[in-house]
């Protein structure tokens, strides 16, 4: 199950890794700054899925119903251990 807190954490992490302010991320994702603040505060359940997808995409995350939120894999940077950790965490 995907929780608003998981999305909030990934958006905050992605934004900080990219060195973006909430305003800069909002501009990149074509949403308002208050929407970014709401998502980062755990309020993703009150935001449309399309908006969440745009924000996650702008922070280099993909949303997968099967896997939850996971780092976007690129052809030249796929790391099997990271992928398996994202699926199973400490249970691996």
Protein backbone atom coordinates (compact mmCIF):
# COMPACT_ATOMS: atom_id res chain seq x y z
CA UNK A 1 0.00 0.00 0.00
CA UNK A 2 1.17 3.50 -0.79
CA UNK A 3 0.88 6.03 2.02
CA UNK A 4 0.86 9.81 1.87
CA UNK A 5 3.80 9.82 4.28
CA UNK A 6 5.85 7.70 1.84
CA UNK A 7 5.13 10.11 -1.00
CA UNK A 8 5.90 13.09 1.25
CA UNK A 9 9.26 11.62 2.21
CA UNK A 10 10.22 10.83 -1.40
CA UNK A 11 9.20 14.28 -2.66
CA UNK A 12 11.15 16.02 0.11
CA UNK A 13 14.19 13.81 -0.47
CA UNK A 14 14.09 14.26 -4.26
CA UNK A 15 13.63 18.01 -3.99
CA UNK A 16 16.55 18.37 -1.59
CA UNK A 17 18.80 16.11 -3.67
CA UNK A 18 18.07 18.29 -6.69
CA UNK A 19 18.71 21.45 -4.65
CA UNK A 20 15.24 22.84 -5.38
CA UNK A 21 13.07 25.07 -3.25
CA UNK A 22 9.38 24.24 -2.99
CA UNK A 23 8.72 27.12 -5.39
CA UNK A 24 11.24 25.84 -7.94
CA UNK A 25 9.80 22.32 -7.74
CA UNK A 26 6.29 23.70 -8.12
CA UNK A 27 7.34 25.53 -11.28
CA UNK A 28 9.07 22.40 -12.65
CA UNK A 29 6.02 20.21 -11.94
CA UNK A 30 3.52 22.87 -13.09
CA UNK A 31 1.70 23.01 -9.74
CA UNK A 32 1.38 25.62 -7.00
CA UNK A 33 3.87 25.96 -4.14
CA UNK A 34 1.10 25.31 -1.58
CA UNK A 35 0.45 21.98 -3.37
CA UNK A 36 4.11 20.99 -2.88
CA UNK A 37 3.87 22.03 0.78
CA UNK A 38 0.67 19.98 1.21
CA UNK A 39 2.27 16.88 -0.36
CA UNK A 40 5.43 17.24 1.76
CA UNK A 41 3.27 17.59 4.88
CA UNK A 42 1.66 14.21 4.16
CA UNK A 43 -1.45 15.49 2.42
CA UNK A 44 -1.01 13.64 -0.87
CA UNK A 45 -4.39 11.97 -0.35
CA UNK A 46 -6.04 15.35 -1.02
CA UNK A 47 -4.11 15.89 -4.30
CA UNK A 48 -5.00 14.39 -7.67
CA UNK A 49 -3.02 11.42 -8.91
CA UNK A 50 -1.97 13.37 -12.00
CA UNK A 51 -0.49 16.10 -9.82
CA UNK A 52 1.33 13.57 -7.64
CA UNK A 53 2.75 11.89 -10.74
CA UNK A 54 4.03 15.24 -12.10
CA UNK A 55 5.66 16.10 -8.77
CA UNK A 56 7.25 12.66 -8.41
CA UNK A 57 8.49 12.81 -12.00
CA UNK A 58 10.04 16.23 -11.36
CA UNK A 59 11.91 14.75 -8.36
CA UNK A 60 13.13 11.66 -10.28
CA UNK A 61 10.75 9.16 -8.67
CA UNK A 62 8.31 6.81 -10.36
CA UNK A 63 5.03 5.66 -8.88
CA UNK A 64 4.26 2.00 -9.40
CA UNK A 65 1.17 0.37 -7.98
CA UNK A 66 3.06 -2.93 -7.75
CA UNK A 67 6.18 -1.52 -6.08
CA UNK A 68 5.05 1.68 -4.39
CA UNK A 69 7.35 4.67 -4.84
CA UNK A 70 10.84 3.70 -6.02
CA UNK A 71 13.82 5.43 -7.60
CA UNK A 72 13.55 5.73 -11.35
CA UNK A 73 15.83 3.15 -12.96
CA UNK A 74 17.90 4.16 -15.95
CA UNK A 75 19.39 1.73 -18.41
CA UNK A 76 22.96 2.50 -17.40
CA UNK A 77 22.43 2.83 -13.64
CA UNK A 78 20.30 -0.16 -12.63
CA UNK A 79 21.38 -1.54 -9.25
CA UNK A 80 19.75 -4.86 -8.35
CA UNK A 81 20.47 -4.51 -4.61
CA UNK A 82 18.83 -1.08 -4.47
CA UNK A 83 15.85 -2.41 -6.40
CA UNK A 84 15.43 -5.44 -4.11
CA UNK A 85 15.82 -3.23 -1.01
CA UNK A 86 13.05 -0.98 -2.34
CA UNK A 87 10.81 -4.02 -2.67
CA UNK A 88 11.60 -5.93 0.48
CA UNK A 89 13.47 -3.56 2.81
CA UNK A 90 14.95 -5.25 5.86
CA UNK A 91 13.07 -8.51 5.17
CA UNK A 92 15.60 -9.39 2.47
